[in-house]
Amino acid sequence: MKKSIAFLFTNGPHNEAAGREGLDALLAISAICENIGVFFVSDGIFLLLPDQKPEQIMAKNFINAFGIIPLYNITSLYLCADSAIERGFNVHTSWLLNINFIPANFLNKTISLYNHIIKF
């Protein structure tokens, strides 16, 4: 049986290093695991908003690096529709990646299909 890993991003981009560390881990693990799902939930959806200017708050701009995920053949990308709507966004919002916009109940079922879950 093939191992599968779900990466769950739940934290915003500039209040801690979880997003940057999660991206580093995701790209590293993609070299040894082919079945990877990436899920953006809660404040993690802010990792996918383009045109952020973190340098204005003296933070490093790593957000555009999320745009390289498809180059690593990671195509199972999901954004929690409920989280987006709660924060004033929708399917028509411009996101950094071409992402599957799915409701929370379906997202939870999809995550449960993975052998391992790593949360950032």
PDB file of N, CA and C in Angstrom:
ATOM      1  N   MET A   1       0.834  -1.183   0.000  1.00  0.00           N
ATOM      2  CA  MET A   1       0.000   0.000   0.000  1.00  0.00           C
ATOM      3  C   MET A   1       0.878   1.247   0.000  1.00  0.00           C
ATOM      4  N   LYS A   2       0.575   2.162  -0.895  1.00  0.00           N
ATOM      5  CA  LYS A   2       1.329   3.411  -0.970  1.00  0.00           C
ATOM      6  C   LYS A   2       1.007   4.302   0.216  1.00  0.00           C
ATOM      7  N   LYS A   3       2.035   4.901   0.758  1.00  0.00           N
ATOM      8  CA  LYS A   3       1.843   5.870   1.832  1.00  0.00           C
ATOM      9  C   LYS A   3       1.383   7.190   1.239  1.00  0.00           C
ATOM     10  N   SER A   4       0.559   7.878   1.989  1.00  0.00           N
ATOM     11  CA  SER A   4       0.084   9.186   1.554  1.00  0.00           C
ATOM     12  C   SER A   4       0.192  10.165   2.718  1.00  0.00           C
ATOM     13  N   ILE A   5       0.442  11.410   2.384  1.00  0.00           N
ATOM     14  CA  ILE A   5       0.636  12.439   3.404  1.00  0.00           C
ATOM     15  C   ILE A   5      -0.218  13.652   3.057  1.00  0.00           C
ATOM     16  N   ALA A   6      -0.953  14.138   4.058  1.00  0.00           N
ATOM     17  CA  ALA A   6      -1.717  15.376   3.919  1.00  0.00           C
ATOM     18  C   ALA A   6      -0.989  16.475   4.675  1.00  0.00           C
ATOM     19  N   PHE A   7      -0.771  17.588   4.017  1.00  0.00           N
ATOM     20  CA  PHE A   7      -0.201  18.777   4.655  1.00  0.00           C
ATOM     21  C   PHE A   7      -1.353  19.733   4.914  1.00  0.00           C
ATOM     22  N   LEU A   8      -1.531  20.092   6.169  1.00  0.00           N
ATOM     23  CA  LEU A   8      -2.639  20.941   6.576  1.00  0.00           C
ATOM     24  C   LEU A   8      -2.088  22.278   7.063  1.00  0.00           C
ATOM     25  N   PHE A   9      -2.332  23.325   6.285  1.00  0.00           N
ATOM     26  CA  PHE A   9      -1.875  24.672   6.644  1.00  0.00           C
ATOM     27  C   PHE A   9      -3.042  25.411   7.298  1.00  0.00           C
ATOM     28  N   THR A  10      -2.867  25.779   8.577  1.00  0.00           N
ATOM     29  CA  THR A  10      -3.952  26.410   9.333  1.00  0.00           C
ATOM     30  C   THR A  10      -3.587  27.786   9.881  1.00  0.00           C
ATOM     31  N   ASN A  11      -2.338  28.182   9.771  1.00  0.00           N
ATOM     32  CA  ASN A  11      -1.879  29.459  10.325  1.00  0.00           C
ATOM     33  C   ASN A  11      -1.642  30.489   9.237  1.00  0.00           C
ATOM     34  N   GLY A  12      -1.866  31.739   9.590  1.00  0.00           N
ATOM     35  CA  GLY A  12      -1.609  32.842   8.673  1.00  0.00           C
ATOM     36  C   GLY A  12      -0.127  32.968   8.374  1.00  0.00           C
ATOM     37  N   PRO A  13       0.214  33.746   7.372  1.00  0.00           N
ATOM     38  CA  PRO A  13       1.588  33.785   6.883  1.00  0.00           C
ATOM     39  C   PRO A  13       2.595  34.583   7.699  1.00  0.00           C
ATOM     40  N   HIS A  14       2.179  35.572   8.444  1.00  0.00           N
ATOM     41  CA  HIS A  14       3.182  36.480   8.990  1.00  0.00           C
ATOM     42  C   HIS A  14       3.247  36.541  10.508  1.00  0.00           C
ATOM     43  N   ASN A  15       2.437  35.740  11.207  1.00  0.00           N
ATOM     44  CA  ASN A  15       2.491  35.789  12.658  1.00  0.00           C
ATOM     45  C   ASN A  15       3.439  34.760  13.260  1.00  0.00           C
ATOM     46  N   GLU A  16       3.849  33.792  12.476  1.00  0.00           N
ATOM     47  CA  GLU A  16       4.811  32.789  12.919  1.00  0.00           C
ATOM     48  C   GLU A  16       5.424  32.112  11.698  1.00  0.00           C
ATOM     49  N   ALA A  17       6.393  31.250  11.930  1.00  0.00           N
ATOM     50  CA  ALA A  17       7.134  30.632  10.827  1.00  0.00           C
ATOM     51  C   ALA A  17       6.491  29.351  10.297  1.00  0.00           C
ATOM     52  N   ALA A  18       5.331  28.967  10.803  1.00  0.00           N
ATOM     53  CA  ALA A  18       4.725  27.688  10.425  1.00  0.00           C
ATOM     54  C   ALA A  18       4.506  27.556   8.922  1.00  0.00           C
ATOM     55  N   GLY A  19       4.032  28.591   8.269  1.00  0.00           N
ATOM     56  CA  GLY A  19       3.784  28.518   6.827  1.00  0.00           C
ATOM     57  C   GLY A  19       5.051  28.277   6.032  1.00  0.00           C
ATOM     58  N   ARG A  20       6.097  29.004   6.362  1.00  0.00           N
ATOM     59  CA  ARG A  20       7.381  28.855   5.661  1.00  0.00           C
ATOM     60  C   ARG A  20       7.986  27.479   5.940  1.00  0.00           C
ATOM     61  N   GLU A  21       7.947  27.050   7.198  1.00  0.00           N
ATOM     62  CA  GLU A  21       8.487  25.736   7.552  1.00  0.00           C
ATOM     63  C   GLU A  21       7.669  24.618   6.916  1.00  0.00           C
ATOM     64  N   GLY A  22       6.363  24.804   6.851  1.00  0.00           N
ATOM     65  CA  GLY A  22       5.508  23.813   6.212  1.00  0.00           C
ATOM     66  C   GLY A  22       5.796  23.677   4.733  1.00  0.00           C
ATOM     67  N   LEU A  23       6.015  24.793   4.072  1.00  0.00           N
ATOM     68  CA  LEU A  23       6.352  24.762   2.649  1.00  0.00           C
ATOM     69  C   LEU A  23       7.680  24.043   2.434  1.00  0.00           C
ATOM     70  N   ASP A  24       8.667  24.336   3.264  1.00  0.00           N
ATOM     71  CA  ASP A  24       9.963  23.651   3.162  1.00  0.00           C
ATOM     72  C   ASP A  24       9.796  22.143   3.332  1.00  0.00           C
ATOM     73  N   ALA A  25       9.013  21.735   4.330  1.00  0.00           N
ATOM     74  CA  ALA A  25       8.788  20.308   4.576  1.00  0.00           C
ATOM     75  C   ALA A  25       8.039  19.665   3.415  1.00  0.00           C
ATOM     76  N   LEU A  26       7.038  20.350   2.903  1.00  0.00           N
ATOM     77  CA  LEU A  26       6.256  19.843   1.775  1.00  0.00           C
ATOM     78  C   LEU A  26       7.143  19.566   0.568  1.00  0.00           C
ATOM     79  N   LEU A  27       7.971  20.518   0.214  1.00  0.00           N
ATOM     80  CA  LEU A  27       8.828  20.351  -0.959  1.00  0.00           C
ATOM     81  C   LEU A  27       9.865  19.259  -0.739  1.00  0.00           C
ATOM     82  N   ALA A  28      10.395  19.149   0.470  1.00  0.00           N
ATOM     83  CA  ALA A  28      11.377  18.099   0.767  1.00  0.00           C
ATOM     84  C   ALA A  28      10.736  16.714   0.701  1.00  0.00           C
ATOM     85  N   ILE A  29       9.577  16.562   1.290  1.00  0.00           N
ATOM     86  CA  ILE A  29       8.909  15.255   1.313  1.00  0.00           C
ATOM     87  C   ILE A  29       8.417  14.854  -0.072  1.00  0.00           C
ATOM     88  N   SER A  30       8.152  15.823  -0.922  1.00  0.00           N
ATOM     89  CA  SER A  30       7.685  15.491  -2.271  1.00  0.00           C
ATOM     90  C   SER A  30       8.732  14.702  -3.059  1.00  0.00           C
ATOM     91  N   ALA A  31       9.984  14.751  -2.627  1.00  0.00           N
ATOM     92  CA  ALA A  31      11.042  13.988  -3.303  1.00  0.00           C
ATOM     93  C   ALA A  31      10.942  12.494  -3.007  1.00  0.00           C
ATOM     94  N   ILE A  32      10.278  12.125  -1.905  1.00  0.00           N
ATOM     95  CA  ILE A  32      10.214  10.710  -1.528  1.00  0.00           C
ATOM     96  C   ILE A  32       8.792  10.159  -1.454  1.00  0.00           C
ATOM     97  N   CYS A  33       7.805  11.005  -1.613  1.00  0.00           N
ATOM     98  CA  CYS A  33       6.404  10.571  -1.536  1.00  0.00           C
ATOM     99  C   CYS A  33       5.633  11.187  -2.697  1.00  0.00           C
ATOM    100  N   GLU A  34       4.918  10.352  -3.418  1.00  0.00           N
ATOM    101  CA  GLU A  34       4.171  10.836  -4.579  1.00  0.00           C
ATOM    102  C   GLU A  34       2.730  11.215  -4.256  1.00  0.00           C
ATOM    103  N   ASN A  35       2.167  10.622  -3.220  1.00  0.00           N
ATOM    104  CA  ASN A  35       0.757  10.857  -2.907  1.00  0.00           C
ATOM    105  C   ASN A  35       0.636  11.888  -1.786  1.00  0.00           C
ATOM    106  N   ILE A  36       0.610  13.154  -2.183  1.00  0.00           N
ATOM    107  CA  ILE A  36       0.570  14.262  -1.234  1.00  0.00           C
ATOM    108  C   ILE A  36      -0.657  15.119  -1.518  1.00  0.00           C
ATOM    109  N   GLY A  37      -1.352  15.471  -0.449  1.00  0.00           N
ATOM    110  CA  GLY A  37      -2.460  16.419  -0.538  1.00  0.00           C
ATOM    111  C   GLY A  37      -2.117  17.645   0.286  1.00  0.00           C
ATOM    112  N   VAL A  38      -2.479  18.808  -0.206  1.00  0.00           N
ATOM    113  CA  VAL A  38      -2.190  20.056   0.500  1.00  0.00           C
ATOM    114  C   VAL A  38      -3.519  20.762   0.754  1.00  0.00           C
ATOM    115  N   PHE A  39      -3.762  21.088   2.020  1.00  0.00           N
ATOM    116  CA  PHE A  39      -5.037  21.650   2.448  1.00  0.00           C
ATOM    117  C   PHE A  39      -4.811  22.981   3.157  1.00  0.00           C
ATOM    118  N   PHE A  40      -5.553  23.989   2.756  1.00  0.00           N
ATOM    119  CA  PHE A  40      -5.470  25.316   3.363  1.00  0.00           C
ATOM    120  C   PHE A  40      -6.793  25.578   4.077  1.00  0.00           C
ATOM    121  N   VAL A  41      -6.710  25.710   5.404  1.00  0.00           N
ATOM    122  CA  VAL A  41      -7.889  25.804   6.250  1.00  0.00           C
ATOM    123  C   VAL A  41      -7.701  26.947   7.240  1.00  0.00           C
ATOM    124  N   SER A  42      -8.797  27.515   7.695  1.00  0.00           N
ATOM    125  CA  SER A  42      -8.754  28.574   8.701  1.00  0.00           C
ATOM    126  C   SER A  42      -7.888  29.722   8.180  1.00  0.00           C
ATOM    127  N   ASP A  43      -7.010  30.273   9.014  1.00  0.00           N
ATOM    128  CA  ASP A  43      -6.157  31.379   8.559  1.00  0.00           C
ATOM    129  C   ASP A  43      -5.097  30.934   7.553  1.00  0.00           C
ATOM    130  N   GLY A  44      -4.941  29.636   7.349  1.00  0.00           N
ATOM    131  CA  GLY A  44      -4.007  29.133   6.347  1.00  0.00           C
ATOM    132  C   GLY A  44      -4.358  29.572   4.937  1.00  0.00           C
ATOM    133  N   ILE A  45      -5.608  29.963   4.715  1.00  0.00           N
ATOM    134  CA  ILE A  45      -5.997  30.422   3.377  1.00  0.00           C
ATOM    135  C   ILE A  45      -5.254  31.693   2.986  1.00  0.00           C
ATOM    136  N   PHE A  46      -4.821  32.475   3.982  1.00  0.00           N
ATOM    137  CA  PHE A  46      -4.106  33.717   3.688  1.00  0.00           C
ATOM    138  C   PHE A  46      -2.744  33.460   3.034  1.00  0.00           C
ATOM    139  N   LEU A  47      -2.242  32.227   3.139  1.00  0.00           N
ATOM    140  CA  LEU A  47      -0.983  31.873   2.480  1.00  0.00           C
ATOM    141  C   LEU A  47      -1.114  31.922   0.960  1.00  0.00           C
ATOM    142  N   LEU A  48      -2.331  31.869   0.463  1.00  0.00           N
ATOM    143  CA  LEU A  48      -2.556  31.805  -0.984  1.00  0.00           C
ATOM    144  C   LEU A  48      -3.018  33.116  -1.605  1.00  0.00           C
ATOM    145  N   LEU A  49      -3.010  34.186  -0.830  1.00  0.00           N
ATOM    146  CA  LEU A  49      -3.402  35.480  -1.390  1.00  0.00           C
ATOM    147  C   LEU A  49      -2.194  36.155  -2.027  1.00  0.00           C
ATOM    148  N   PRO A  50      -2.284  36.495  -3.309  1.00  0.00           N
ATOM    149  CA  PRO A  50      -1.156  37.157  -3.981  1.00  0.00           C
ATOM    150  C   PRO A  50      -1.042  38.624  -3.560  1.00  0.00           C
ATOM    151  N   ASP A  51       0.040  39.229  -3.962  1.00  0.00           N
ATOM    152  CA  ASP A  51       0.275  40.668  -3.779  1.00  0.00           C
ATOM    153  C   ASP A  51       0.310  41.123  -2.323  1.00  0.00           C
ATOM    154  N   GLN A  52       0.802  40.255  -1.448  1.00  0.00           N
ATOM    155  CA  GLN A  52       0.992  40.672  -0.060  1.00  0.00           C
ATOM    156  C   GLN A  52       2.286  41.475   0.036  1.00  0.00           C
ATOM    157  N   LYS A  53       2.357  42.331   1.006  1.00  0.00           N
ATOM    158  CA  LYS A  53       3.542  43.172   1.197  1.00  0.00           C
ATOM    159  C   LYS A  53       4.062  43.033   2.632  1.00  0.00           C
ATOM    160  N   PRO A  54       4.584  41.871   2.986  1.00  0.00           N
ATOM    161  CA  PRO A  54       5.032  41.639   4.363  1.00  0.00           C
ATOM    162  C   PRO A  54       6.224  42.498   4.775  1.00  0.00           C
ATOM    163  N   GLU A  55       6.971  42.988   3.798  1.00  0.00           N
ATOM    164  CA  GLU A  55       8.114  43.837   4.136  1.00  0.00           C
ATOM    165  C   GLU A  55       7.659  45.114   4.849  1.00  0.00           C
ATOM    166  N   GLN A  56       6.414  45.496   4.680  1.00  0.00           N
ATOM    167  CA  GLN A  56       5.892  46.679   5.364  1.00  0.00           C
ATOM    168  C   GLN A  56       5.751  46.458   6.871  1.00  0.00           C
ATOM    169  N   ILE A  57       5.728  45.193   7.285  1.00  0.00           N
ATOM    170  CA  ILE A  57       5.710  44.890   8.715  1.00  0.00           C
ATOM    171  C   ILE A  57       7.007  44.191   9.133  1.00  0.00           C
ATOM    172  N   MET A  58       8.048  44.409   8.318  1.00  0.00           N
ATOM    173  CA  MET A  58       9.382  43.868   8.588  1.00  0.00           C
ATOM    174  C   MET A  58       9.401  42.330   8.605  1.00  0.00           C
ATOM    175  N   ALA A  59       8.603  41.722   7.743  1.00  0.00           N
ATOM    176  CA  ALA A  59       8.561  40.267   7.627  1.00  0.00           C
ATOM    177  C   ALA A  59       9.097  39.865   6.258  1.00  0.00           C
ATOM    178  N   LYS A  60       9.581  38.628   6.180  1.00  0.00           N
ATOM    179  CA  LYS A  60      10.122  38.113   4.927  1.00  0.00           C
ATOM    180  C   LYS A  60       8.979  37.687   3.997  1.00  0.00           C
ATOM    181  N   ASN A  61       9.116  37.988   2.719  1.00  0.00           N
ATOM    182  CA  ASN A  61       8.095  37.627   1.740  1.00  0.00           C
ATOM    183  C   ASN A  61       8.404  36.250   1.153  1.00  0.00           C
ATOM    184  N   PHE A  62       7.733  35.236   1.671  1.00  0.00           N
ATOM    185  CA  PHE A  62       7.910  33.873   1.163  1.00  0.00           C
ATOM    186  C   PHE A  62       6.648  33.380   0.455  1.00  0.00           C
ATOM    187  N   ILE A  63       5.610  34.183   0.438  1.00  0.00           N
ATOM    188  CA  ILE A  63       4.312  33.760  -0.091  1.00  0.00           C
ATOM    189  C   ILE A  63       4.396  33.297  -1.541  1.00  0.00           C
ATOM    190  N   ASN A  64       5.106  34.012  -2.383  1.00  0.00           N
ATOM    191  CA  ASN A  64       5.185  33.629  -3.797  1.00  0.00           C
ATOM    192  C   ASN A  64       5.824  32.262  -3.996  1.00  0.00           C
ATOM    193  N   ALA A  65       6.596  31.800  -3.012  1.00  0.00           N
ATOM    194  CA  ALA A  65       7.210  30.472  -3.112  1.00  0.00           C
ATOM    195  C   ALA A  65       6.150  29.370  -3.160  1.00  0.00           C
ATOM    196  N   PHE A  66       4.963  29.620  -2.630  1.00  0.00           N
ATOM    197  CA  PHE A  66       3.893  28.625  -2.730  1.00  0.00           C
ATOM    198  C   PHE A  66       3.518  28.375  -4.188  1.00  0.00           C
ATOM    199  N   GLY A  67       3.795  29.318  -5.056  1.00  0.00           N
ATOM    200  CA  GLY A  67       3.493  29.171  -6.472  1.00  0.00           C
ATOM    201  C   GLY A  67       4.291  28.084  -7.176  1.00  0.00           C
ATOM    202  N   ILE A  68       5.372  27.618  -6.565  1.00  0.00           N
ATOM    203  CA  ILE A  68       6.178  26.566  -7.204  1.00  0.00           C
ATOM    204  C   ILE A  68       5.687  25.159  -6.881  1.00  0.00           C
ATOM    205  N   ILE A  69       4.704  25.030  -6.016  1.00  0.00           N
ATOM    206  CA  ILE A  69       4.210  23.701  -5.632  1.00  0.00           C
ATOM    207  C   ILE A  69       3.879  22.833  -6.849  1.00  0.00           C
ATOM    208  N   PRO A  70       3.187  23.325  -7.872  1.00  0.00           N
ATOM    209  CA  PRO A  70       2.887  22.472  -9.030  1.00  0.00           C
ATOM    210  C   PRO A  70       4.139  21.965  -9.765  1.00  0.00           C
ATOM    211  N   LEU A  71       5.243  22.682  -9.665  1.00  0.00           N
ATOM    212  CA  LEU A  71       6.481  22.222 -10.304  1.00  0.00           C
ATOM    213  C   LEU A  71       7.007  20.938  -9.670  1.00  0.00           C
ATOM    214  N   TYR A  72       6.554  20.632  -8.470  1.00  0.00           N
ATOM    215  CA  TYR A  72       6.956  19.421  -7.759  1.00  0.00           C
ATOM    216  C   TYR A  72       5.944  18.298  -7.970  1.00  0.00           C
ATOM    217  N   ASN A  73       5.102  18.429  -8.972  1.00  0.00           N
ATOM    218  CA  ASN A  73       4.059  17.448  -9.304  1.00  0.00           C
ATOM    219  C   ASN A  73       3.091  17.206  -8.157  1.00  0.00           C
ATOM    220  N   ILE A  74       2.840  18.231  -7.379  1.00  0.00           N
ATOM    221  CA  ILE A  74       1.836  18.171  -6.322  1.00  0.00           C
ATOM    222  C   ILE A  74       0.594  18.851  -6.889  1.00  0.00           C
ATOM    223  N   THR A  75      -0.427  18.055  -7.123  1.00  0.00           N
ATOM    224  CA  THR A  75      -1.613  18.593  -7.791  1.00  0.00           C
ATOM    225  C   THR A  75      -2.886  18.497  -6.950  1.00  0.00           C
ATOM    226  N   SER A  76      -2.833  17.800  -5.833  1.00  0.00           N
ATOM    227  CA  SER A  76      -4.003  17.689  -4.960  1.00  0.00           C
ATOM    228  C   SER A  76      -3.980  18.851  -3.975  1.00  0.00           C
ATOM    229  N   LEU A  77      -4.546  19.973  -4.407  1.00  0.00           N
ATOM    230  CA  LEU A  77      -4.512  21.217  -3.639  1.00  0.00           C
ATOM    231  C   LEU A  77      -5.942  21.634  -3.311  1.00  0.00           C
ATOM    232  N   TYR A  78      -6.205  21.853  -2.024  1.00  0.00           N
ATOM    233  CA  TYR A  78      -7.569  22.138  -1.584  1.00  0.00           C
ATOM    234  C   TYR A  78      -7.618  23.352  -0.663  1.00  0.00           C
ATOM    235  N   LEU A  79      -8.648  24.165  -0.831  1.00  0.00           N
ATOM    236  CA  LEU A  79      -8.887  25.316   0.027  1.00  0.00           C
ATOM    237  C   LEU A  79     -10.278  25.166   0.637  1.00  0.00           C
ATOM    238  N   CYS A  80     -10.379  25.326   1.939  1.00  0.00           N
ATOM    239  CA  CYS A  80     -11.659  25.191   2.635  1.00  0.00           C
ATOM    240  C   CYS A  80     -12.570  26.365   2.276  1.00  0.00           C
ATOM    241  N   ALA A  81     -13.657  26.068   1.585  1.00  0.00           N
ATOM    242  CA  ALA A  81     -14.605  27.107   1.171  1.00  0.00           C
ATOM    243  C   ALA A  81     -15.209  27.810   2.378  1.00  0.00           C
ATOM    244  N   ASP A  82     -15.505  27.057   3.429  1.00  0.00           N
ATOM    245  CA  ASP A  82     -16.102  27.656   4.624  1.00  0.00           C
ATOM    246  C   ASP A  82     -15.150  28.674   5.251  1.00  0.00           C
ATOM    247  N   SER A  83     -13.867  28.328   5.326  1.00  0.00           N
ATOM    248  CA  SER A  83     -12.866  29.248   5.883  1.00  0.00           C
ATOM    249  C   SER A  83     -12.771  30.515   5.044  1.00  0.00           C
ATOM    250  N   ALA A  84     -12.791  30.352   3.731  1.00  0.00           N
ATOM    251  CA  ALA A  84     -12.693  31.511   2.837  1.00  0.00           C
ATOM    252  C   ALA A  84     -13.908  32.424   2.988  1.00  0.00           C
ATOM    253  N   ILE A  85     -15.085  31.842   2.999  1.00  0.00           N
ATOM    254  CA  ILE A  85     -16.313  32.632   3.103  1.00  0.00           C
ATOM    255  C   ILE A  85     -16.375  33.362   4.445  1.00  0.00           C
ATOM    256  N   GLU A  86     -15.975  32.679   5.524  1.00  0.00           N
ATOM    257  CA  GLU A  86     -15.952  33.319   6.849  1.00  0.00           C
ATOM    258  C   GLU A  86     -15.044  34.545   6.872  1.00  0.00           C
ATOM    259  N   ARG A  87     -14.041  34.569   5.997  1.00  0.00           N
ATOM    260  CA  ARG A  87     -13.071  35.664   5.965  1.00  0.00           C
ATOM    261  C   ARG A  87     -13.333  36.650   4.823  1.00  0.00           C
ATOM    262  N   GLY A  88     -14.473  36.511   4.163  1.00  0.00           N
ATOM    263  CA  GLY A  88     -14.873  37.469   3.135  1.00  0.00           C
ATOM    264  C   GLY A  88     -14.383  37.164   1.729  1.00  0.00           C
ATOM    265  N   PHE A  89     -13.932  35.933   1.482  1.00  0.00           N
ATOM    266  CA  PHE A  89     -13.447  35.540   0.156  1.00  0.00           C
ATOM    267  C   PHE A  89     -14.408  34.537  -0.470  1.00  0.00           C
ATOM    268  N   ASN A  90     -14.204  34.239  -1.746  1.00  0.00           N
ATOM    269  CA  ASN A  90     -15.035  33.243  -2.417  1.00  0.00           C
ATOM    270  C   ASN A  90     -14.252  32.602  -3.557  1.00  0.00           C
ATOM    271  N   VAL A  91     -14.929  31.782  -4.326  1.00  0.00           N
ATOM    272  CA  VAL A  91     -14.296  31.049  -5.420  1.00  0.00           C
ATOM    273  C   VAL A  91     -13.737  31.995  -6.481  1.00  0.00           C
ATOM    274  N   HIS A  92     -14.270  33.202  -6.562  1.00  0.00           N
ATOM    275  CA  HIS A  92     -13.812  34.165  -7.565  1.00  0.00           C
ATOM    276  C   HIS A  92     -12.618  34.997  -7.100  1.00  0.00           C
ATOM    277  N   THR A  93     -12.224  34.828  -5.857  1.00  0.00           N
ATOM    278  CA  THR A  93     -11.043  35.527  -5.348  1.00  0.00           C
ATOM    279  C   THR A  93      -9.826  35.049  -6.129  1.00  0.00           C
ATOM    280  N   SER A  94      -8.902  35.930  -6.370  1.00  0.00           N
ATOM    281  CA  SER A  94      -7.660  35.560  -7.053  1.00  0.00           C
ATOM    282  C   SER A  94      -6.740  34.864  -6.048  1.00  0.00           C
ATOM    283  N   TRP A  95      -6.480  33.583  -6.277  1.00  0.00           N
ATOM    284  CA  TRP A  95      -5.609  32.802  -5.396  1.00  0.00           C
ATOM    285  C   TRP A  95      -4.275  32.573  -6.090  1.00  0.00           C
ATOM    286  N   LEU A  96      -3.243  32.357  -5.324  1.00  0.00           N
ATOM    287  CA  LEU A  96      -1.892  32.161  -5.849  1.00  0.00           C
ATOM    288  C   LEU A  96      -1.774  30.869  -6.664  1.00  0.00           C
ATOM    289  N   LEU A  97      -2.558  29.866  -6.324  1.00  0.00           N
ATOM    290  CA  LEU A  97      -2.523  28.570  -7.003  1.00  0.00           C
ATOM    291  C   LEU A  97      -3.885  28.247  -7.607  1.00  0.00           C
ATOM    292  N   ASN A  98      -3.880  27.385  -8.596  1.00  0.00           N
ATOM    293  CA  ASN A  98      -5.120  26.821  -9.108  1.00  0.00           C
ATOM    294  C   ASN A  98      -5.536  25.755  -8.098  1.00  0.00           C
ATOM    295  N   ILE A  99      -6.567  26.037  -7.344  1.00  0.00           N
ATOM    296  CA  ILE A  99      -6.880  25.220  -6.171  1.00  0.00           C
ATOM    297  C   ILE A  99      -8.328  24.754  -6.194  1.00  0.00           C
ATOM    298  N   ASN A 100      -8.577  23.600  -5.592  1.00  0.00           N
ATOM    299  CA  ASN A 100      -9.934  23.078  -5.455  1.00  0.00           C
ATOM    300  C   ASN A 100     -10.598  23.742  -4.251  1.00  0.00           C
ATOM    301  N   PHE A 101     -11.678  24.433  -4.481  1.00  0.00           N
ATOM    302  CA  PHE A 101     -12.426  25.179  -3.469  1.00  0.00           C
ATOM    303  C   PHE A 101     -13.539  24.257  -2.983  1.00  0.00           C
ATOM    304  N   ILE A 102     -13.391  23.644  -1.790  1.00  0.00           N
ATOM    305  CA  ILE A 102     -14.361  22.639  -1.352  1.00  0.00           C
ATOM    306  C   ILE A 102     -14.889  22.935   0.058  1.00  0.00           C
ATOM    307  N   PRO A 103     -16.141  22.531   0.336  1.00  0.00           N
ATOM    308  CA  PRO A 103     -16.722  22.761   1.659  1.00  0.00           C
ATOM    309  C   PRO A 103     -16.026  21.931   2.741  1.00  0.00           C
ATOM    310  N   ALA A 104     -16.141  22.395   3.977  1.00  0.00           N
ATOM    311  CA  ALA A 104     -15.423  21.779   5.099  1.00  0.00           C
ATOM    312  C   ALA A 104     -15.746  20.297   5.269  1.00  0.00           C
ATOM    313  N   ASN A 105     -17.005  19.897   5.128  1.00  0.00           N
ATOM    314  CA  ASN A 105     -17.335  18.485   5.339  1.00  0.00           C
ATOM    315  C   ASN A 105     -16.663  17.594   4.299  1.00  0.00           C
ATOM    316  N   PHE A 106     -16.593  18.032   3.053  1.00  0.00           N
ATOM    317  CA  PHE A 106     -15.913  17.254   2.016  1.00  0.00           C
ATOM    318  C   PHE A 106     -14.400  17.295   2.228  1.00  0.00           C
ATOM    319  N   LEU A 107     -13.893  18.437   2.673  1.00  0.00           N
ATOM    320  CA  LEU A 107     -12.466  18.577   2.949  1.00  0.00           C
ATOM    321  C   LEU A 107     -12.044  17.588   4.035  1.00  0.00           C
ATOM    322  N   ASN A 108     -12.834  17.492   5.106  1.00  0.00           N
ATOM    323  CA  ASN A 108     -12.515  16.565   6.196  1.00  0.00           C
ATOM    324  C   ASN A 108     -12.526  15.119   5.720  1.00  0.00           C
ATOM    325  N   LYS A 109     -13.473  14.769   4.873  1.00  0.00           N
ATOM    326  CA  LYS A 109     -13.523  13.410   4.324  1.00  0.00           C
ATOM    327  C   LYS A 109     -12.299  13.141   3.450  1.00  0.00           C
ATOM    328  N   THR A 110     -11.891  14.131   2.686  1.00  0.00           N
ATOM    329  CA  THR A 110     -10.723  13.980   1.813  1.00  0.00           C
ATOM    330  C   THR A 110      -9.452  13.814   2.637  1.00  0.00           C
ATOM    331  N   ILE A 111      -9.295  14.612   3.671  1.00  0.00           N
ATOM    332  CA  ILE A 111      -8.122  14.497   4.550  1.00  0.00           C
ATOM    333  C   ILE A 111      -8.061  13.108   5.176  1.00  0.00           C
ATOM    334  N   SER A 112      -9.205  12.555   5.543  1.00  0.00           N
ATOM    335  CA  SER A 112      -9.231  11.248   6.212  1.00  0.00           C
ATOM    336  C   SER A 112      -8.728  10.116   5.315  1.00  0.00           C
ATOM    337  N   LEU A 113      -8.615  10.343   4.022  1.00  0.00           N
ATOM    338  CA  LEU A 113      -8.120   9.317   3.100  1.00  0.00           C
ATOM    339  C   LEU A 113      -6.598   9.174   3.139  1.00  0.00           C
ATOM    340  N   TYR A 114      -5.913  10.103   3.783  1.00  0.00           N
ATOM    341  CA  TYR A 114      -4.447  10.087   3.834  1.00  0.00           C
ATOM    342  C   TYR A 114      -3.959   9.313   5.056  1.00  0.00           C
ATOM    343  N   ASN A 115      -2.821   8.606   4.892  1.00  0.00           N
ATOM    344  CA  ASN A 115      -2.234   7.825   5.984  1.00  0.00           C
ATOM    345  C   ASN A 115      -1.675   8.699   7.103  1.00  0.00           C
ATOM    346  N   HIS A 116      -1.090   9.815   6.728  1.00  0.00           N
ATOM    347  CA  HIS A 116      -0.440  10.701   7.697  1.00  0.00           C
ATOM    348  C   HIS A 116      -0.889  12.138   7.447  1.00  0.00           C
ATOM    349  N   ILE A 117      -1.002  12.889   8.539  1.00  0.00           N
ATOM    350  CA  ILE A 117      -1.378  14.303   8.450  1.00  0.00           C
ATOM    351  C   ILE A 117      -0.325  15.116   9.188  1.00  0.00           C
ATOM    352  N   ILE A 118       0.211  16.113   8.509  1.00  0.00           N
ATOM    353  CA  ILE A 118       1.188  17.016   9.117  1.00  0.00           C
ATOM    354  C   ILE A 118       0.564  18.405   9.115  1.00  0.00           C
ATOM    355  N   LYS A 119       0.463  18.997  10.304  1.00  0.00           N
ATOM    356  CA  LYS A 119      -0.217  20.290  10.443  1.00  0.00           C
ATOM    357  C   LYS A 119       0.782  21.408  10.699  1.00  0.00           C
ATOM    358  N   PHE A 120       0.604  22.497   9.971  1.00  0.00           N
ATOM    359  CA  PHE A 120       1.428  23.693  10.151  1.00  0.00           C
ATOM    360  C   PHE A 120       0.527  24.884  10.386  1.00  0.00           C
TER     361      PHE A 120
END
